[in-house]
């Protein structure tokens, strides 16, 4: 959770890091500095990654890096 970087896709489930892929019920995109963007019943929203999000954080993926689309740095 502390190593999140902008553009990481973050996944949330009721069992937090013990959630299985089938238990993931929400996701968003990390923006950095403890914020993410996600879709909610109110539309697209910016939210702080705290409270419910920190308790149910399951894992993150870095698809841009995994696809080799980020410069080495």
N, C-alpha and C. Protein backbone atom coordinates (compact mmCIF):
# COMPACT_ATOMS: atom_id res chain seq x y z
N UNK A 1 0.83 -1.20 0.00
CA UNK A 1 0.00 0.00 0.00
C UNK A 1 0.87 1.26 0.00
N UNK A 2 1.92 1.24 0.80
CA UNK A 2 2.79 2.40 0.90
C UNK A 2 3.65 2.62 -0.35
N UNK A 3 3.78 1.60 -1.18
CA UNK A 3 4.62 1.69 -2.38
C UNK A 3 3.83 2.06 -3.63
N UNK A 4 2.55 2.43 -3.49
CA UNK A 4 1.75 2.78 -4.66
C UNK A 4 2.35 3.96 -5.41
N UNK A 5 2.26 3.89 -6.73
CA UNK A 5 2.73 4.97 -7.59
C UNK A 5 1.59 5.39 -8.51
N UNK A 6 1.65 6.63 -9.04
CA UNK A 6 0.62 7.07 -9.99
C UNK A 6 0.49 6.07 -11.14
N UNK A 7 -0.73 5.82 -11.54
CA UNK A 7 -1.14 4.92 -12.62
C UNK A 7 -1.22 3.46 -12.19
N UNK A 8 -0.89 3.14 -10.92
CA UNK A 8 -1.11 1.77 -10.45
C UNK A 8 -2.60 1.51 -10.37
N UNK A 9 -3.01 0.33 -10.78
CA UNK A 9 -4.41 -0.07 -10.65
C UNK A 9 -4.53 -0.74 -9.29
N UNK A 10 -5.45 -0.23 -8.46
CA UNK A 10 -5.60 -0.73 -7.10
C UNK A 10 -6.91 -1.52 -6.99
N UNK A 11 -6.83 -2.63 -6.25
CA UNK A 11 -7.97 -3.54 -6.11
C UNK A 11 -8.34 -3.67 -4.64
N UNK A 12 -9.64 -3.79 -4.37
CA UNK A 12 -10.16 -3.84 -3.00
C UNK A 12 -11.10 -5.02 -2.85
N UNK A 13 -11.02 -5.67 -1.70
CA UNK A 13 -11.91 -6.78 -1.40
C UNK A 13 -12.16 -6.85 0.09
N UNK A 14 -13.24 -7.49 0.48
CA UNK A 14 -13.66 -7.54 1.87
C UNK A 14 -12.64 -8.15 2.82
N UNK A 15 -11.73 -8.97 2.30
CA UNK A 15 -10.71 -9.59 3.15
C UNK A 15 -9.35 -8.92 2.99
N UNK A 16 -9.34 -7.70 2.43
CA UNK A 16 -8.08 -6.97 2.26
C UNK A 16 -7.08 -7.80 1.48
N UNK A 17 -5.82 -7.86 1.94
CA UNK A 17 -4.80 -8.59 1.19
C UNK A 17 -5.04 -10.10 1.12
N UNK A 18 -5.94 -10.61 1.93
CA UNK A 18 -6.28 -12.04 1.87
C UNK A 18 -7.41 -12.31 0.87
N UNK A 19 -7.91 -11.27 0.22
CA UNK A 19 -8.99 -11.44 -0.76
C UNK A 19 -8.51 -12.25 -1.95
N UNK A 20 -9.36 -13.13 -2.42
CA UNK A 20 -9.10 -13.87 -3.64
C UNK A 20 -9.59 -13.02 -4.81
N UNK A 21 -9.09 -13.27 -6.01
CA UNK A 21 -9.55 -12.48 -7.15
C UNK A 21 -11.07 -12.43 -7.28
N UNK A 22 -11.77 -13.49 -6.96
CA UNK A 22 -13.23 -13.49 -7.06
C UNK A 22 -13.89 -12.64 -5.98
N UNK A 23 -13.13 -12.24 -4.96
CA UNK A 23 -13.67 -11.43 -3.87
C UNK A 23 -13.41 -9.94 -4.06
N UNK A 24 -12.68 -9.59 -5.09
CA UNK A 24 -12.44 -8.17 -5.38
C UNK A 24 -13.75 -7.56 -5.83
N UNK A 25 -14.15 -6.46 -5.18
CA UNK A 25 -15.42 -5.85 -5.53
C UNK A 25 -15.31 -4.37 -5.90
N UNK A 26 -14.07 -3.88 -5.97
CA UNK A 26 -13.89 -2.49 -6.35
C UNK A 26 -12.47 -2.29 -6.83
N UNK A 27 -12.27 -1.30 -7.68
CA UNK A 27 -10.93 -0.97 -8.15
C UNK A 27 -10.86 0.50 -8.51
N UNK A 28 -9.66 1.01 -8.62
CA UNK A 28 -9.44 2.39 -9.00
C UNK A 28 -8.04 2.55 -9.57
N UNK A 29 -7.66 3.78 -9.83
CA UNK A 29 -6.33 4.09 -10.35
C UNK A 29 -5.67 5.07 -9.39
N UNK A 30 -4.50 4.68 -8.88
CA UNK A 30 -3.77 5.55 -7.95
C UNK A 30 -3.28 6.80 -8.68
N UNK A 31 -3.38 7.92 -7.99
CA UNK A 31 -2.92 9.19 -8.56
C UNK A 31 -1.65 9.70 -7.90
N UNK A 32 -1.30 9.11 -6.77
CA UNK A 32 -0.14 9.57 -6.01
C UNK A 32 -0.58 10.40 -4.82
N UNK A 33 0.33 10.58 -3.88
CA UNK A 33 0.07 11.38 -2.68
C UNK A 33 -1.18 10.93 -1.92
N UNK A 34 -1.47 9.60 -1.95
CA UNK A 34 -2.58 9.08 -1.18
C UNK A 34 -3.95 9.27 -1.79
N UNK A 35 -4.04 9.50 -3.09
CA UNK A 35 -5.32 9.71 -3.77
C UNK A 35 -5.50 8.73 -4.90
N UNK A 36 -6.77 8.47 -5.25
CA UNK A 36 -7.09 7.65 -6.42
C UNK A 36 -8.33 8.21 -7.09
N UNK A 37 -8.53 7.77 -8.31
CA UNK A 37 -9.74 8.09 -9.06
C UNK A 37 -10.47 6.77 -9.27
N UNK A 38 -11.79 6.81 -9.16
CA UNK A 38 -12.58 5.59 -9.31
C UNK A 38 -14.00 5.96 -9.72
N UNK A 39 -14.72 4.96 -10.12
CA UNK A 39 -16.12 5.15 -10.47
C UNK A 39 -16.97 4.78 -9.26
N UNK A 40 -17.93 5.62 -8.97
CA UNK A 40 -18.84 5.35 -7.85
C UNK A 40 -20.27 5.53 -8.33
N UNK A 41 -21.21 5.27 -7.46
CA UNK A 41 -22.61 5.46 -7.85
C UNK A 41 -22.93 6.94 -8.11
N UNK A 42 -22.02 7.81 -7.71
CA UNK A 42 -22.19 9.24 -7.93
C UNK A 42 -21.44 9.73 -9.16
N UNK A 43 -20.78 8.80 -9.86
CA UNK A 43 -19.98 9.16 -11.02
C UNK A 43 -18.50 8.99 -10.71
N UNK A 44 -17.67 9.55 -11.54
CA UNK A 44 -16.22 9.46 -11.34
C UNK A 44 -15.85 10.39 -10.19
N UNK A 45 -15.01 9.87 -9.27
CA UNK A 45 -14.68 10.64 -8.08
C UNK A 45 -13.21 10.49 -7.71
N UNK A 46 -12.68 11.53 -7.10
CA UNK A 46 -11.36 11.49 -6.48
C UNK A 46 -11.56 11.22 -5.00
N UNK A 47 -10.81 10.27 -4.46
CA UNK A 47 -10.94 9.95 -3.05
C UNK A 47 -9.56 9.71 -2.45
N UNK A 48 -9.46 10.00 -1.15
CA UNK A 48 -8.24 9.70 -0.42
C UNK A 48 -8.19 8.19 -0.14
N UNK A 49 -7.02 7.63 -0.24
CA UNK A 49 -6.84 6.20 0.04
C UNK A 49 -6.67 5.98 1.54
N UNK A 50 -7.75 6.20 2.27
CA UNK A 50 -7.74 5.96 3.71
C UNK A 50 -9.07 5.34 4.10
N UNK A 51 -9.30 5.14 5.37
CA UNK A 51 -10.57 4.57 5.82
C UNK A 51 -10.85 3.23 5.18
N UNK A 52 -12.04 3.09 4.59
CA UNK A 52 -12.45 1.82 3.97
C UNK A 52 -11.42 1.35 2.96
N UNK A 53 -10.86 2.25 2.18
CA UNK A 53 -9.91 1.87 1.14
C UNK A 53 -8.63 1.28 1.72
N UNK A 54 -8.12 1.84 2.80
CA UNK A 54 -6.90 1.27 3.40
C UNK A 54 -7.19 -0.07 4.07
N UNK A 55 -8.40 -0.24 4.62
CA UNK A 55 -8.75 -1.49 5.30
C UNK A 55 -9.02 -2.63 4.32
N UNK A 56 -9.52 -2.32 3.14
CA UNK A 56 -9.90 -3.37 2.19
C UNK A 56 -8.94 -3.47 1.00
N UNK A 57 -7.83 -2.73 1.03
CA UNK A 57 -6.85 -2.79 -0.05
C UNK A 57 -6.36 -4.23 -0.20
N UNK A 58 -6.52 -4.80 -1.37
CA UNK A 58 -6.10 -6.18 -1.62
C UNK A 58 -4.71 -6.22 -2.27
N UNK A 59 -4.55 -5.54 -3.39
CA UNK A 59 -3.27 -5.49 -4.08
C UNK A 59 -3.33 -4.43 -5.15
N UNK A 60 -2.20 -4.22 -5.80
CA UNK A 60 -2.12 -3.27 -6.91
C UNK A 60 -1.30 -3.91 -8.03
N UNK A 61 -1.52 -3.43 -9.21
CA UNK A 61 -0.73 -3.86 -10.36
C UNK A 61 -0.20 -2.60 -11.04
N UNK A 62 0.92 -2.74 -11.70
CA UNK A 62 1.54 -1.63 -12.39
C UNK A 62 1.58 -1.97 -13.88
N UNK A 63 0.42 -1.89 -14.55
CA UNK A 63 0.34 -2.38 -15.93
C UNK A 63 1.25 -1.65 -16.91
N UNK A 64 1.49 -0.37 -16.73
CA UNK A 64 2.38 0.33 -17.66
C UNK A 64 3.79 -0.22 -17.58
N UNK A 65 4.27 -0.47 -16.36
CA UNK A 65 5.61 -1.05 -16.18
C UNK A 65 5.63 -2.49 -16.69
N UNK A 66 4.58 -3.25 -16.37
CA UNK A 66 4.53 -4.64 -16.81
C UNK A 66 4.54 -4.77 -18.33
N UNK A 67 3.99 -3.78 -19.01
CA UNK A 67 3.96 -3.78 -20.48
C UNK A 67 5.22 -3.17 -21.08
N UNK A 68 6.15 -2.71 -20.22
CA UNK A 68 7.38 -2.10 -20.72
C UNK A 68 7.18 -0.71 -21.28
N UNK A 69 6.15 0.00 -20.82
CA UNK A 69 5.83 1.31 -21.37
C UNK A 69 6.36 2.47 -20.54
N UNK A 70 7.09 2.19 -19.47
CA UNK A 70 7.67 3.24 -18.65
C UNK A 70 9.17 3.30 -18.90
N UNK A 71 9.74 4.51 -18.93
CA UNK A 71 11.18 4.61 -19.11
C UNK A 71 11.92 4.07 -17.89
N UNK A 72 13.09 3.54 -18.11
CA UNK A 72 13.90 3.08 -16.97
C UNK A 72 14.36 4.30 -16.21
N UNK A 73 14.33 4.20 -14.92
CA UNK A 73 14.71 5.39 -14.20
C UNK A 73 15.12 5.09 -12.84
